[in-house]
Amino acid sequence: MQQIFLNQTLDANQSLTLADDYFQHLIKVLRLQINDQFWVVDAVQNTFKAQITAINARDFQVSLTAQPRAYSELPVKTIIACALSKKDKVDWITQKATELGAHEIIFFKSQYSIMKWSDTVVSKKLTRLNQIALNAAQQAHRLLVPKVHYFATLEQLIATKSADFSLVAYEEAAKQNESSNLAATLHTMNPQQSIFCLFGPEGGFTVEEIAQLRQNGYNPCGLGPRILRAETAPLYFLSALSYQIELDKDLSK
């Protein structure tokens, strides 16, 4: 069943008129009809079943019924920050990271980043990526939509973001006996805590960047014995985290 998000608090058993993008997507594209149903998630993560009661030329009406649903969010706040990658990899990372449960997605420019965003395109890029996150959150039946942000430098990112646990994925970590940092961190985490992990571009982080991150409390960690592509690494991290805290330890209870 389809799902949409509304940026308002809703009441049970109320009626609602929807138009604009909702009308275009649900009525024009998906061709929903009177009596068809879909999910609605409001601004405070309440869930409702909406049943279409009338369809007009430019809008449609629905009746809402409160319908609690199983909690679908990771029990720990998870932030990933990825250096800019080439071509459409940022789109791919945004979509898949949203499906895997990230609460916030950040892109930033690092020394080895091939892709560069000029100041004039940042707003347009973020609008597109936030729309991708919205669509992915609806498809995955999430209860919140992760926000996508951008930082022009690693220094700005370090100064702005913090979490209970801060990691940086570094392929040299395995050689320095730091590959266990990820597993140790995930075993230590408790519900409601936060974790922040950084990922480099295709060329990886420079030694200077890793040193800077270490000085600011980021622990380098390996992501298994294989070298992962820039767009694969954050998805590996999110999958490992989900297994550890949702399927293995079941911290969500």
Protein backbone atom coordinates (compact mmCIF):
# COMPACT_ATOMS: atom_id res chain seq x y z
CA MET A 1 0.00 0.00 0.00
CA GLN A 2 1.27 3.47 -0.89
CA GLN A 3 2.45 5.91 1.79
CA ILE A 4 2.78 9.69 2.00
CA PHE A 5 4.10 12.10 4.64
CA LEU A 6 2.23 15.20 5.80
CA ASN A 7 4.01 18.00 7.62
CA GLN A 8 1.18 18.53 10.11
CA THR A 9 -0.32 16.81 13.14
CA LEU A 10 -3.47 14.88 12.31
CA ASP A 11 -6.42 13.66 14.35
CA ALA A 12 -8.14 10.32 14.13
CA ASN A 13 -11.35 10.09 12.12
CA GLN A 14 -10.89 13.45 10.41
CA SER A 15 -11.39 14.29 6.75
CA LEU A 16 -8.69 15.83 4.63
CA THR A 17 -8.37 17.45 1.20
CA LEU A 18 -5.16 16.79 -0.74
CA ALA A 19 -3.94 18.47 -3.91
CA ASP A 20 -0.80 19.46 -5.83
CA ASP A 21 1.93 16.78 -5.71
CA TYR A 22 -0.28 14.34 -3.80
CA PHE A 23 -2.99 14.64 -6.46
CA GLN A 24 -0.47 14.26 -9.27
CA HIS A 25 1.20 11.20 -7.76
CA LEU A 26 -1.70 9.28 -6.27
CA ILE A 27 -4.52 10.14 -8.65
CA LYS A 28 -2.85 10.97 -11.97
CA VAL A 29 0.14 8.61 -11.87
CA LEU A 30 -0.98 5.71 -9.66
CA ARG A 31 -4.63 6.11 -10.71
CA LEU A 32 -6.09 5.46 -7.27
CA GLN A 33 -9.89 5.46 -7.23
CA ILE A 34 -12.66 6.19 -4.72
CA ASN A 35 -12.47 3.74 -1.78
CA ASP A 36 -8.80 2.96 -2.43
CA GLN A 37 -6.57 3.25 0.64
CA PHE A 38 -3.04 4.44 1.41
CA TRP A 39 -0.93 5.18 4.47
CA VAL A 40 -0.42 8.68 5.87
CA VAL A 41 2.34 9.54 8.37
CA ASP A 42 1.97 12.87 10.14
CA ALA A 43 4.54 15.26 11.60
CA VAL A 44 4.82 13.36 14.90
CA GLN A 45 5.03 9.90 13.33
CA ASN A 46 1.40 8.95 13.91
CA THR A 47 0.13 6.60 11.20
CA PHE A 48 -3.29 6.57 9.56
CA LYS A 49 -5.10 4.67 6.88
CA ALA A 50 -6.59 7.11 4.38
CA GLN A 51 -9.56 6.11 2.23
CA ILE A 52 -10.43 8.18 -0.82
CA THR A 53 -14.00 9.49 -0.58
CA ALA A 54 -14.13 11.95 -3.51
CA ILE A 55 -12.00 12.92 -6.51
CA ASN A 56 -12.30 16.37 -8.09
CA ALA A 57 -10.60 18.07 -11.01
CA ARG A 58 -7.56 19.21 -9.00
CA ASP A 59 -7.85 17.67 -5.54
CA PHE A 60 -9.35 14.76 -3.66
CA GLN A 61 -10.79 14.03 -0.23
CA VAL A 62 -9.90 11.26 2.17
CA SER A 63 -11.16 10.05 5.52
CA LEU A 64 -8.51 9.11 8.08
CA THR A 65 -8.55 6.23 10.54
CA ALA A 66 -5.81 5.99 13.15
CA GLN A 67 -3.88 2.77 12.57
CA PRO A 68 -0.79 2.20 14.74
CA ARG A 69 1.98 0.40 12.88
CA ALA A 70 5.13 -1.42 13.93
CA TYR A 71 7.98 1.00 14.58
CA SER A 72 10.23 0.93 11.53
CA GLU A 73 13.06 3.27 12.56
CA LEU A 74 16.52 2.27 13.78
CA PRO A 75 16.59 2.50 17.59
CA VAL A 76 19.79 4.59 17.46
CA LYS A 77 20.14 7.88 15.60
CA THR A 78 22.37 7.12 12.64
CA ILE A 79 24.15 9.80 10.61
CA ILE A 80 26.34 9.07 7.62
CA ALA A 81 28.61 11.58 5.90
CA CYS A 82 29.97 10.73 2.45
CA ALA A 83 32.56 12.61 0.44
CA LEU A 84 31.28 13.72 -2.94
CA SER A 85 31.44 10.93 -5.52
CA LYS A 86 31.26 11.06 -9.29
CA LYS A 87 28.23 10.80 -11.56
CA ASP A 88 24.99 9.65 -9.93
CA LYS A 89 26.50 7.96 -6.88
CA VAL A 90 25.17 10.61 -4.49
CA ASP A 91 21.64 9.82 -5.73
CA TRP A 92 22.22 6.11 -5.19
CA ILE A 93 23.65 6.62 -1.69
CA THR A 94 20.75 8.88 -0.70
CA GLN A 95 18.11 6.43 -1.89
CA LYS A 96 19.63 3.28 -0.43
CA ALA A 97 20.76 4.88 2.85
CA THR A 98 17.19 6.08 3.36
CA GLU A 99 15.83 2.59 2.74
CA LEU A 100 18.36 1.17 5.22
CA GLY A 101 17.32 3.56 8.00
CA ALA A 102 19.75 6.51 8.10
CA HIS A 103 18.36 9.45 10.08
CA GLU A 104 20.55 12.04 8.37
CA ILE A 105 22.69 12.00 5.22
CA ILE A 106 25.55 14.42 4.66
CA PHE A 107 27.77 15.02 1.65
CA PHE A 108 31.01 16.97 1.86
CA LYS A 109 34.04 17.87 -0.21
CA SER A 110 37.27 16.12 0.70
CA GLN A 111 40.75 16.44 -0.77
CA TYR A 112 40.38 13.48 -3.13
CA SER A 113 36.81 14.23 -4.21
CA ILE A 114 36.51 14.02 -7.99
CA MET A 115 33.12 15.71 -8.05
CA LYS A 116 32.91 19.35 -6.97
CA TRP A 117 29.79 21.43 -6.29
CA SER A 118 29.98 25.15 -6.94
CA ASP A 119 28.08 27.44 -4.59
CA THR A 120 25.53 28.11 -7.32
CA VAL A 121 24.39 24.46 -7.61
CA VAL A 122 24.29 23.39 -3.96
CA SER A 123 20.68 24.45 -3.35
CA LYS A 124 19.45 22.69 -6.50
CA LYS A 125 21.41 19.53 -5.68
CA LEU A 126 20.04 19.39 -2.13
CA THR A 127 16.47 19.92 -3.32
CA ARG A 128 16.84 16.95 -5.64
CA LEU A 129 18.46 14.74 -3.00
CA ASN A 130 15.87 15.57 -0.36
CA GLN A 131 13.15 14.63 -2.85
CA ILE A 132 14.93 11.31 -3.48
CA ALA A 133 15.03 10.74 0.30
CA LEU A 134 11.32 11.53 0.58
CA ASN A 135 10.41 9.09 -2.19
CA ALA A 136 12.61 6.37 -0.69
CA ALA A 137 11.19 6.88 2.81
CA GLN A 138 7.66 6.53 1.43
CA GLN A 139 8.57 3.37 -0.47
CA ALA A 140 10.27 1.85 2.60
CA HIS A 141 7.31 2.72 4.86
CA ARG A 142 9.52 4.68 7.20
CA LEU A 143 8.10 6.98 9.86
CA LEU A 144 10.48 9.86 9.19
CA VAL A 145 12.31 11.33 6.21
CA PRO A 146 16.07 11.80 6.63
CA LYS A 147 17.41 15.27 5.85
CA VAL A 148 20.22 15.64 3.33
CA HIS A 149 22.88 18.30 4.00
CA TYR A 150 26.12 19.49 2.42
CA PHE A 151 29.37 20.88 3.85
CA ALA A 152 31.96 22.54 1.64
CA THR A 153 34.87 21.41 3.85
CA LEU A 154 35.72 18.64 6.28
CA GLU A 155 36.49 21.32 8.89
CA GLN A 156 32.93 22.67 8.71
CA LEU A 157 31.56 19.16 9.08
CA ILE A 158 33.67 18.38 12.13
CA ALA A 159 32.74 21.67 13.78
CA THR A 160 29.00 21.23 13.20
CA LYS A 161 28.19 17.57 13.78
CA SER A 162 28.68 15.37 16.83
CA ALA A 163 27.34 12.07 18.18
CA ASP A 164 27.78 9.63 21.05
CA PHE A 165 29.99 7.50 18.78
CA SER A 166 32.03 8.89 15.89
CA LEU A 167 33.71 6.65 13.32
CA VAL A 168 35.53 7.06 10.03
CA ALA A 169 35.69 4.18 7.55
CA TYR A 170 39.36 3.77 6.62
CA GLU A 171 40.74 0.93 4.52
CA GLU A 172 44.11 1.08 6.28
CA ALA A 173 42.44 0.42 9.64
CA ALA A 174 42.52 -3.34 9.13
CA LYS A 175 46.29 -3.20 8.72
CA GLN A 176 46.56 -1.29 12.00
CA ASN A 177 44.45 -3.78 14.00
CA GLU A 178 41.54 -1.34 14.09
CA SER A 179 39.11 -3.42 12.05
CA SER A 180 37.33 -4.44 15.25
CA ASN A 181 36.39 -0.83 16.11
CA LEU A 182 33.09 -1.11 14.24
CA ALA A 183 32.02 -4.34 15.95
CA ALA A 184 33.12 -3.05 19.36
CA THR A 185 31.16 0.17 18.90
CA LEU A 186 27.99 -1.58 17.78
CA HIS A 187 28.16 -3.99 20.72
CA THR A 188 28.50 -1.02 23.09
CA MET A 189 25.60 1.07 21.83
CA ASN A 190 22.31 1.46 23.68
CA PRO A 191 18.91 2.57 22.36
CA GLN A 192 18.46 6.32 21.87
CA GLN A 193 22.20 6.91 21.45
CA SER A 194 23.64 8.32 18.23
CA ILE A 195 26.35 7.17 15.84
CA PHE A 196 28.12 9.15 13.12
CA CYS A 197 30.28 7.55 10.42
CA LEU A 198 32.30 9.25 7.67
CA PHE A 199 33.16 7.73 4.30
CA GLY A 200 35.74 8.91 1.80
CA PRO A 201 35.53 9.38 -1.98
CA GLU A 202 36.84 7.01 -4.66
CA GLY A 203 40.44 7.84 -3.76
CA GLY A 204 39.87 7.50 -0.02
CA PHE A 205 40.91 9.93 2.71
CA THR A 206 44.34 11.49 2.85
CA VAL A 207 46.65 10.71 5.79
CA GLU A 208 46.22 14.32 6.88
CA GLU A 209 42.43 14.04 6.91
CA ILE A 210 42.55 10.87 9.00
CA ALA A 211 44.92 12.56 11.44
CA GLN A 212 42.55 15.52 11.69
CA LEU A 213 39.61 13.23 12.33
CA ARG A 214 41.53 11.28 14.98
CA GLN A 215 42.36 14.53 16.76
CA ASN A 216 38.64 15.32 16.88
CA GLY A 217 37.57 12.01 18.40
CA TYR A 218 36.79 9.94 15.30
CA ASN A 219 37.85 6.29 15.54
CA PRO A 220 39.03 4.69 12.27
CA CYS A 221 37.34 1.39 11.51
CA GLY A 222 37.56 -1.26 8.84
CA LEU A 223 34.56 -2.58 6.93
CA GLY A 224 35.55 -6.20 6.52
CA PRO A 225 38.47 -7.72 4.60
CA ARG A 226 37.49 -6.41 1.17
CA ILE A 227 37.97 -2.96 -0.35
CA LEU A 228 34.54 -1.43 -0.98
CA ARG A 229 33.52 1.18 -3.51
CA ALA A 230 32.63 4.65 -2.24
CA GLU A 231 28.91 4.02 -2.74
CA THR A 232 29.03 0.53 -1.19
CA ALA A 233 30.80 1.39 2.08
CA PRO A 234 27.98 3.38 3.73
CA LEU A 235 25.45 0.70 2.79
CA TYR A 236 27.66 -2.00 4.32
CA PHE A 237 27.87 0.07 7.50
CA LEU A 238 24.10 0.59 7.71
CA SER A 239 23.44 -3.10 7.05
CA ALA A 240 25.93 -4.20 9.74
CA LEU A 241 24.40 -1.73 12.19
CA SER A 242 20.87 -2.93 11.44
CA TYR A 243 21.85 -6.56 11.95
CA GLN A 244 23.58 -5.85 15.24
CA ILE A 245 20.97 -3.61 16.86
CA GLU A 246 17.74 -4.87 15.28
CA LEU A 247 18.16 -8.54 14.40
CA ASP A 248 20.85 -9.76 16.80
CA LYS A 249 20.56 -7.75 20.02
CA ASP A 250 17.04 -6.50 19.21
CA LEU A 251 17.58 -3.20 20.99
CA SER A 252 14.36 -1.87 19.56
CA LYS A 253 12.39 -3.60 22.34
